[in-house]
Amino acid sequence: MPPNQASAEPPERGTIEELFAALESPLLSYALRLTSDAGAAEDIVQETFMRLHARFDGVREPQRWLYRTVHNLALNHRRQAGRTVPLGPAGDDGSPAADDPADPQPLPDEQIARWEGIGLVRLSLESLDDRSRELVRLKFNEDLSYKEISAHTGLNIGHVGYLLHHALKTIADELARNGVVP
């Protein structure tokens, strides 16, 4: 268990409400240290307690389980945040075309390759089921957080993350098969 938890020892076994009252603040601090993102930390702690609620009777050491789950969810969040790379305009890689403001247009063959890539992404999106396609739209077109998507769709936050992960993996696999990405 991480150091500097709560000064008062929470009950090792009690009700979820007692655990929440005793551990919410220390778990938020722990998640914030791991993610450096207050919103993500709140989402992680909420998801952790939701998961505990779903399997409370089967958890022998709830306090240890809570910290381990926060830890794992925070690492998943950091991995996901590291994989999501915003696409910038052509030339962001430091190529001379990006340094030359006189001609910001990409070369014709670069533009064609870009259009083909966009077309393949659209085809990959169309191959997803309606729910996954809607989640991708809410995340990337509407720029909603998992929590906001959860509220919008009625899915729990963990399920939103799971479905988005698999949708993006499907798209990435399809683009790799077509040679768009390595």
Protein backbone atom coordinates (compact mmCIF):
# COMPACT_ATOMS: atom_id res chain seq x y z
CA MET A 1 0.00 0.00 0.00
CA PRO A 2 1.27 3.51 -0.76
CA PRO A 3 2.64 5.60 2.08
CA ASN A 4 0.85 8.66 3.42
CA GLN A 5 -2.63 7.23 3.26
CA ALA A 6 -5.20 8.58 5.68
CA SER A 7 -4.15 9.37 9.24
CA ALA A 8 -7.12 7.43 10.63
CA GLU A 9 -6.99 3.76 9.72
CA PRO A 10 -9.99 2.84 7.58
CA PRO A 11 -11.84 -0.31 8.41
CA GLU A 12 -10.23 -3.26 6.63
CA ARG A 13 -13.66 -4.78 6.21
CA GLY A 14 -16.82 -2.76 6.53
CA THR A 15 -19.34 -1.24 4.22
CA ILE A 16 -18.47 0.37 0.92
CA GLU A 17 -19.72 3.66 2.38
CA GLU A 18 -17.23 3.42 5.27
CA LEU A 19 -14.40 2.60 2.89
CA PHE A 20 -15.40 5.46 0.60
CA ALA A 21 -15.52 7.94 3.48
CA ALA A 22 -12.13 6.81 4.78
CA LEU A 23 -10.27 6.29 1.50
CA GLU A 24 -11.71 8.60 -1.16
CA SER A 25 -9.33 11.48 -0.39
CA PRO A 26 -6.15 9.38 -0.07
CA LEU A 27 -7.04 7.45 -3.23
CA LEU A 28 -7.60 10.73 -5.10
CA SER A 29 -4.19 11.98 -3.93
CA TYR A 30 -2.59 8.71 -5.00
CA ALA A 31 -4.27 8.74 -8.42
CA LEU A 32 -3.32 12.39 -8.91
CA ARG A 33 0.34 11.61 -8.16
CA LEU A 34 0.25 8.81 -10.73
CA THR A 35 -1.59 10.70 -13.49
CA SER A 36 -0.90 14.42 -12.86
CA ASP A 37 -4.46 15.02 -14.07
CA ALA A 38 -7.17 15.90 -11.53
CA GLY A 39 -10.04 14.94 -13.84
CA ALA A 40 -8.49 11.59 -14.68
CA ALA A 41 -7.77 10.95 -10.99
CA GLU A 42 -11.42 11.57 -10.11
CA ASP A 43 -12.57 9.28 -12.93
CA ILE A 44 -10.15 6.56 -11.82
CA VAL A 45 -11.27 6.66 -8.18
CA GLN A 46 -14.93 6.64 -9.22
CA GLU A 47 -14.33 3.68 -11.53
CA THR A 48 -12.44 1.89 -8.75
CA PHE A 49 -15.33 2.20 -6.30
CA MET A 50 -17.79 1.15 -8.99
CA ARG A 51 -15.74 -1.97 -9.62
CA LEU A 52 -15.51 -2.68 -5.89
CA HIS A 53 -19.27 -2.32 -5.57
CA ALA A 54 -19.78 -4.89 -8.34
CA ARG A 55 -17.62 -7.52 -6.61
CA PHE A 56 -17.55 -6.40 -2.97
CA ASP A 57 -18.48 -9.80 -1.50
CA GLY A 58 -15.55 -11.49 -3.26
CA VAL A 59 -12.87 -9.00 -2.16
CA ARG A 60 -11.07 -10.14 0.98
CA GLU A 61 -8.91 -7.05 1.58
CA PRO A 62 -10.85 -4.08 0.16
CA GLN A 63 -8.30 -1.41 1.12
CA ARG A 64 -5.44 -3.21 -0.61
CA TRP A 65 -7.71 -4.03 -3.55
CA LEU A 66 -8.71 -0.35 -3.92
CA TYR A 67 -5.11 0.87 -4.02
CA ARG A 68 -4.07 -1.84 -6.48
CA THR A 69 -7.03 -1.05 -8.76
CA VAL A 70 -6.31 2.72 -8.67
CA HIS A 71 -2.69 1.93 -9.48
CA ASN A 72 -3.61 -0.28 -12.44
CA LEU A 73 -6.22 2.13 -13.82
CA ALA A 74 -3.77 5.05 -13.53
CA LEU A 75 -1.12 3.09 -15.44
CA ASN A 76 -3.70 2.24 -18.11
CA HIS A 77 -4.62 5.92 -18.34
CA ARG A 78 -0.96 6.93 -18.74
CA ARG A 79 -0.41 4.29 -21.43
CA GLN A 80 -3.52 5.41 -23.30
CA ALA A 81 -2.58 9.09 -23.04
CA GLY A 82 0.87 8.25 -24.42
CA ARG A 83 -0.60 6.42 -27.43
CA THR A 84 -3.08 9.09 -28.44
CA VAL A 85 -1.11 11.49 -30.61
CA PRO A 86 -2.93 14.50 -32.02
CA LEU A 87 -2.44 14.86 -35.75
CA GLY A 88 -1.03 18.22 -36.77
CA PRO A 89 -0.77 19.85 -40.16
CA ALA A 90 1.57 18.30 -42.74
CA GLY A 91 5.20 19.08 -42.07
CA ASP A 92 5.08 18.94 -38.27
CA ASP A 93 7.96 16.47 -38.39
CA GLY A 94 10.39 19.35 -38.94
CA SER A 95 10.63 18.96 -42.69
CA PRO A 96 11.73 22.04 -44.66
CA ALA A 97 8.20 22.52 -46.02
CA ALA A 98 7.02 23.26 -42.46
CA ASP A 99 9.73 25.90 -42.06
CA ASP A 100 8.86 27.63 -45.35
CA PRO A 101 5.70 29.73 -44.91
CA ALA A 102 5.78 30.77 -48.58
CA ASP A 103 4.29 27.48 -49.79
CA PRO A 104 2.26 25.78 -47.05
CA GLN A 105 0.61 23.34 -49.48
CA PRO A 106 1.96 19.78 -49.52
CA LEU A 107 3.33 18.38 -52.75
CA PRO A 108 0.71 16.73 -54.98
CA ASP A 109 1.90 13.18 -54.23
CA GLU A 110 1.87 13.96 -50.48
CA GLN A 111 -1.68 15.30 -50.80
CA ILE A 112 -2.81 12.19 -52.66
CA ALA A 113 -1.23 9.94 -50.02
CA ARG A 114 -2.98 11.98 -47.32
CA TRP A 115 -6.35 11.68 -49.09
CA GLU A 116 -5.85 7.94 -49.45
CA GLY A 117 -5.02 7.68 -45.75
CA ILE A 118 -8.11 9.68 -44.83
CA GLY A 119 -10.21 7.47 -47.08
CA LEU A 120 -8.82 4.33 -45.47
CA VAL A 121 -9.51 5.73 -42.00
CA ARG A 122 -13.10 6.46 -43.04
CA LEU A 123 -13.49 2.94 -44.45
CA SER A 124 -12.06 1.52 -41.22
CA LEU A 125 -14.55 3.58 -39.22
CA GLU A 126 -17.39 2.30 -41.36
CA SER A 127 -16.35 -1.29 -40.61
CA LEU A 128 -16.97 -0.69 -36.88
CA ASP A 129 -20.32 -1.43 -35.30
CA ASP A 130 -22.61 1.57 -34.68
CA ARG A 131 -21.86 1.79 -30.96
CA SER A 132 -18.08 1.80 -31.43
CA ARG A 133 -18.34 4.33 -34.26
CA GLU A 134 -20.44 6.60 -32.01
CA LEU A 135 -17.89 6.32 -29.17
CA VAL A 136 -15.05 7.26 -31.54
CA ARG A 137 -17.10 10.22 -32.79
CA LEU A 138 -17.83 11.44 -29.25
CA LYS A 139 -14.19 11.07 -28.20
CA PHE A 140 -12.47 12.59 -31.22
CA ASN A 141 -15.07 14.81 -32.93
CA GLU A 142 -16.81 16.09 -29.80
CA ASP A 143 -13.63 15.87 -27.63
CA LEU A 144 -15.57 14.38 -24.69
CA SER A 145 -13.92 12.69 -21.71
CA TYR A 146 -14.70 9.07 -20.86
CA LYS A 147 -16.87 10.36 -18.03
CA GLU A 148 -18.85 12.60 -20.40
CA ILE A 149 -19.19 9.79 -22.93
CA SER A 150 -20.39 7.53 -20.15
CA ALA A 151 -23.07 10.04 -19.16
CA HIS A 152 -24.10 10.50 -22.80
CA THR A 153 -24.33 6.79 -23.66
CA GLY A 154 -25.29 5.21 -20.35
CA LEU A 155 -22.26 2.89 -20.48
CA ASN A 156 -19.96 2.79 -17.46
CA ILE A 157 -16.60 4.53 -17.78
CA GLY A 158 -14.59 1.31 -17.85
CA HIS A 159 -16.74 -0.08 -20.65
CA VAL A 160 -16.30 3.14 -22.64
CA GLY A 161 -12.53 2.79 -22.34
CA TYR A 162 -12.63 -0.88 -23.26
CA LEU A 163 -14.78 -0.30 -26.35
CA LEU A 164 -12.72 2.70 -27.50
CA HIS A 165 -9.50 0.75 -27.06
CA HIS A 166 -10.76 -2.09 -29.22
CA ALA A 167 -12.22 0.25 -31.85
CA LEU A 168 -8.94 2.13 -32.19
CA LYS A 169 -6.99 -1.13 -32.29
CA THR A 170 -9.25 -2.38 -35.09
CA ILE A 171 -8.67 0.82 -37.05
CA ALA A 172 -4.90 0.68 -36.44
CA ASP A 173 -4.73 -2.96 -37.56
CA GLU A 174 -6.65 -2.14 -40.72
CA LEU A 175 -4.37 0.82 -41.49
CA ALA A 176 -1.28 -1.33 -40.87
CA ARG A 177 -2.63 -4.03 -43.23
CA ASN A 178 -3.05 -1.36 -45.91
CA GLY A 179 0.43 0.06 -45.36
CA VAL A 180 -0.75 3.46 -44.10
CA VAL A 181 1.05 3.07 -40.77
CA PRO A 182 4.04 0.86 -39.92
